[in-house]
Amino acid sequence: MSSSPKMLKEEVSRYNEAYEFRKGKYNMFHTTVYEGTLEQQYDTVIRQLQSLIEDEPNFIANLANASALLGQFLPDINWAGFYLLDEKGLVLGPFQGLPACVRIPVGRGVCGTAAERRETMLVPDVHAFPGHIACDAASRSEIVVPLLTPRGELLGVLDIDSPSTDRFNEIDRVQLERFAGVLTAGL
């Protein structure tokens, strides 16, 4: 079945409109300058996250873009990504950084402890944390935020490492909990 020239022209026009929309949507990440207070900078990155995930139902794809956003936005970090809960514990999910530990038992290390307690762990010096699992010897501080559904079900954790001690603070904790909440809000 052949298409008429008019139908073909309409199809090309729809394709071009969709392309221009996507191009504009994703180009916003190349030109963003994070300015203002730390809270205002987080507001910008959270708006970017909302824009990226609003039309995408695939959780893994959204985690991949979320880790890329954090990798671009947060200064002085060497790893940003996710560990997801399965029947054996936490398993590596989408991330930005060097290759990482594939599995972490719930209750072990910073990630496993955050998962077990279902609370954010802000660790100024990972070498002083009992049972720390060193996936990257360069990491010195870490923040881990549990990923909880609105019903309180644990899905995994958001893990961010820095090569500097005392990299993360209370503002990071509050804002990264907001960030995680945006990711899990529709689940």
Protein backbone atom coordinates (compact mmCIF):
# COMPACT_ATOMS: atom_id res chain seq x y z
CA MET A 1 0.00 0.00 0.00
CA SER A 2 1.55 3.28 -1.07
CA SER A 3 1.22 6.58 0.72
CA SER A 4 0.12 9.69 -1.06
CA PRO A 5 2.57 12.60 -1.21
CA LYS A 6 0.29 14.53 1.18
CA MET A 7 0.28 11.68 3.75
CA LEU A 8 4.03 11.32 3.46
CA LYS A 9 4.51 15.07 3.96
CA GLU A 10 2.27 14.97 7.08
CA GLU A 11 4.21 12.02 8.48
CA VAL A 12 7.54 13.80 7.92
CA SER A 13 6.12 16.93 9.56
CA ARG A 14 5.02 14.95 12.66
CA TYR A 15 8.43 13.32 12.85
CA ASN A 16 10.19 16.69 12.62
CA GLU A 17 7.96 18.18 15.33
CA ALA A 18 8.70 15.25 17.63
CA TYR A 19 12.42 15.51 16.88
CA GLU A 20 12.49 19.25 17.62
CA PHE A 21 10.63 18.67 20.90
CA ARG A 22 13.08 15.95 21.97
CA LYS A 23 16.06 18.00 20.83
CA GLY A 24 14.88 20.97 22.87
CA LYS A 25 14.02 18.84 25.88
CA TYR A 26 17.40 17.13 26.02
CA ASN A 27 19.46 20.17 25.00
CA MET A 28 18.42 21.88 28.23
CA PHE A 29 20.97 19.70 30.00
CA HIS A 30 23.87 20.96 27.89
CA THR A 31 23.23 24.62 28.67
CA THR A 32 22.24 24.48 32.32
CA VAL A 33 24.26 26.61 34.70
CA TYR A 34 23.57 25.70 38.29
CA GLU A 35 23.47 29.01 40.15
CA GLY A 36 22.16 30.36 43.42
CA THR A 37 22.04 28.62 46.76
CA LEU A 38 22.58 24.89 47.00
CA GLU A 39 18.82 24.48 47.50
CA GLN A 40 18.14 26.48 44.31
CA GLN A 41 20.65 24.36 42.40
CA TYR A 42 18.93 21.20 43.60
CA ASP A 43 15.56 22.70 42.57
CA THR A 44 16.95 23.03 39.04
CA VAL A 45 18.23 19.45 38.88
CA ILE A 46 14.96 18.11 40.34
CA ARG A 47 12.98 20.00 37.67
CA GLN A 48 15.28 18.44 35.06
CA LEU A 49 14.65 15.00 36.54
CA GLN A 50 10.88 15.56 36.46
CA SER A 51 11.12 16.59 32.81
CA LEU A 52 13.11 13.48 31.93
CA ILE A 53 10.85 10.96 33.66
CA GLU A 54 7.39 12.49 33.14
CA ASP A 55 6.65 10.48 29.98
CA GLU A 56 8.79 7.41 30.67
CA PRO A 57 7.28 4.54 32.67
CA ASN A 58 10.44 2.38 32.65
CA PHE A 59 12.02 2.62 36.11
CA ILE A 60 15.48 1.41 34.99
CA ALA A 61 15.62 3.98 32.17
CA ASN A 62 14.66 6.69 34.65
CA LEU A 63 17.36 5.56 37.09
CA ALA A 64 19.92 5.67 34.28
CA ASN A 65 19.05 9.27 33.45
CA ALA A 66 18.89 10.18 37.14
CA SER A 67 22.42 8.87 37.74
CA ALA A 68 23.66 10.78 34.67
CA LEU A 69 22.05 13.97 35.98
CA LEU A 70 23.69 13.57 39.38
CA GLY A 71 27.03 12.76 37.78
CA GLN A 72 26.87 16.04 35.85
CA PHE A 73 25.36 18.17 38.61
CA LEU A 74 27.24 17.22 41.76
CA PRO A 75 30.81 18.49 42.04
CA ASP A 76 33.51 16.48 43.79
CA ILE A 77 31.94 13.04 43.44
CA ASN A 78 33.43 9.89 41.97
CA TRP A 79 30.32 7.67 41.82
CA ALA A 80 26.56 8.16 41.64
CA GLY A 81 24.12 5.36 41.09
CA PHE A 82 21.63 2.86 42.36
CA TYR A 83 21.50 -0.52 44.01
CA LEU A 84 18.18 -2.32 43.63
CA LEU A 85 16.67 -4.79 46.05
CA ASP A 86 16.15 -8.37 44.95
CA GLU A 87 15.67 -11.64 46.84
CA LYS A 88 19.42 -11.87 47.61
CA GLY A 89 20.01 -8.28 48.73
CA LEU A 90 21.12 -5.20 46.81
CA VAL A 91 22.27 -5.59 43.22
CA LEU A 92 24.02 -2.97 41.10
CA GLY A 93 21.74 -0.80 38.96
CA PRO A 94 22.38 2.17 36.67
CA PHE A 95 25.33 4.36 37.69
CA GLN A 96 27.98 6.87 36.65
CA GLY A 97 31.56 6.15 37.67
CA LEU A 98 34.05 3.31 37.85
CA PRO A 99 32.86 -0.31 37.86
CA ALA A 100 31.34 -1.13 41.24
CA CYS A 101 30.55 -3.95 43.62
CA VAL A 102 27.77 -5.98 42.03
CA ARG A 103 26.05 -7.26 45.19
CA ILE A 104 25.78 -5.85 48.69
CA PRO A 105 23.99 -7.74 51.48
CA VAL A 106 21.26 -5.83 53.29
CA GLY A 107 22.71 -4.75 56.64
CA ARG A 108 26.34 -4.59 55.41
CA GLY A 109 28.29 -1.48 54.54
CA VAL A 110 26.75 1.94 54.12
CA CYS A 111 24.34 0.89 51.36
CA GLY A 112 23.17 -2.25 53.14
CA THR A 113 22.72 -0.37 56.42
CA ALA A 114 20.65 2.37 54.73
CA ALA A 115 18.49 -0.33 53.13
CA GLU A 116 18.04 -2.20 56.40
CA ARG A 117 17.18 0.93 58.40
CA ARG A 118 15.24 2.56 55.54
CA GLU A 119 16.91 5.84 56.38
CA THR A 120 19.51 8.07 54.77
CA MET A 121 23.10 7.43 55.81
CA LEU A 122 25.42 10.44 55.61
CA VAL A 123 28.97 9.25 56.29
CA PRO A 124 31.72 11.92 56.53
CA ASP A 125 34.56 9.35 56.46
CA VAL A 126 33.79 5.90 55.11
CA HIS A 127 37.03 4.48 56.52
CA ALA A 128 35.64 5.12 60.01
CA PHE A 129 32.34 3.35 59.21
CA PRO A 130 32.27 -0.16 60.72
CA GLY A 131 31.93 -2.77 57.99
CA HIS A 132 32.41 -0.32 55.12
CA ILE A 133 32.60 -2.11 51.76
CA ALA A 134 35.32 -0.43 49.68
CA CYS A 135 34.20 -0.71 46.06
CA ASP A 136 36.51 2.21 45.17
CA ALA A 137 39.50 2.90 47.42
CA ALA A 138 39.38 6.58 46.38
CA SER A 139 35.99 7.11 48.06
CA ARG A 140 36.20 8.98 51.37
CA SER A 141 32.64 10.12 52.10
CA GLU A 142 29.27 8.78 51.08
CA ILE A 143 25.56 9.48 51.20
CA VAL A 144 23.01 6.72 50.68
CA VAL A 145 19.28 7.43 50.34
CA PRO A 146 16.71 4.62 50.42
CA LEU A 147 14.31 4.40 47.47
CA LEU A 148 10.89 3.94 49.03
CA THR A 149 7.55 3.75 47.25
CA PRO A 150 4.75 5.99 48.54
CA ARG A 151 3.53 2.87 50.43
CA GLY A 152 6.92 2.53 52.14
CA GLU A 153 8.19 -0.49 50.16
CA LEU A 154 11.97 -0.55 49.74
CA LEU A 155 13.09 -0.68 46.09
CA GLY A 156 16.79 -0.05 46.62
CA VAL A 157 19.13 2.83 47.41
CA LEU A 158 20.69 5.87 45.77
CA ASP A 159 24.43 5.84 46.52
CA ILE A 160 26.81 8.77 45.97
CA ASP A 161 30.52 8.70 46.81
CA SER A 162 33.13 11.45 47.00
CA PRO A 163 36.93 11.34 47.14
CA SER A 164 36.78 14.08 49.82
CA THR A 165 35.91 13.66 53.48
CA ASP A 166 32.87 15.59 54.75
CA ARG A 167 31.63 16.18 51.17
CA PHE A 168 27.91 15.83 51.98
CA ASN A 169 25.83 17.88 54.37
CA GLU A 170 22.28 18.22 55.67
CA ILE A 171 21.18 20.18 52.59
CA ASP A 172 22.39 17.32 50.38
CA ARG A 173 20.48 14.85 52.56
CA VAL A 174 17.19 16.75 52.38
CA GLN A 175 17.48 17.47 48.65
CA LEU A 176 18.59 13.97 47.65
CA GLU A 177 15.65 12.56 49.62
CA ARG A 178 13.43 14.86 47.50
CA PHE A 179 15.23 13.63 44.37
CA ALA A 180 14.62 9.99 45.34
CA GLY A 181 10.98 10.79 46.12
CA VAL A 182 10.47 12.16 42.61
CA LEU A 183 11.83 8.91 41.16
CA THR A 184 9.47 6.72 43.18
CA ALA A 185 6.37 8.95 43.37
CA GLY A 186 4.44 7.15 40.65
CA LEU A 187 5.19 3.61 41.77
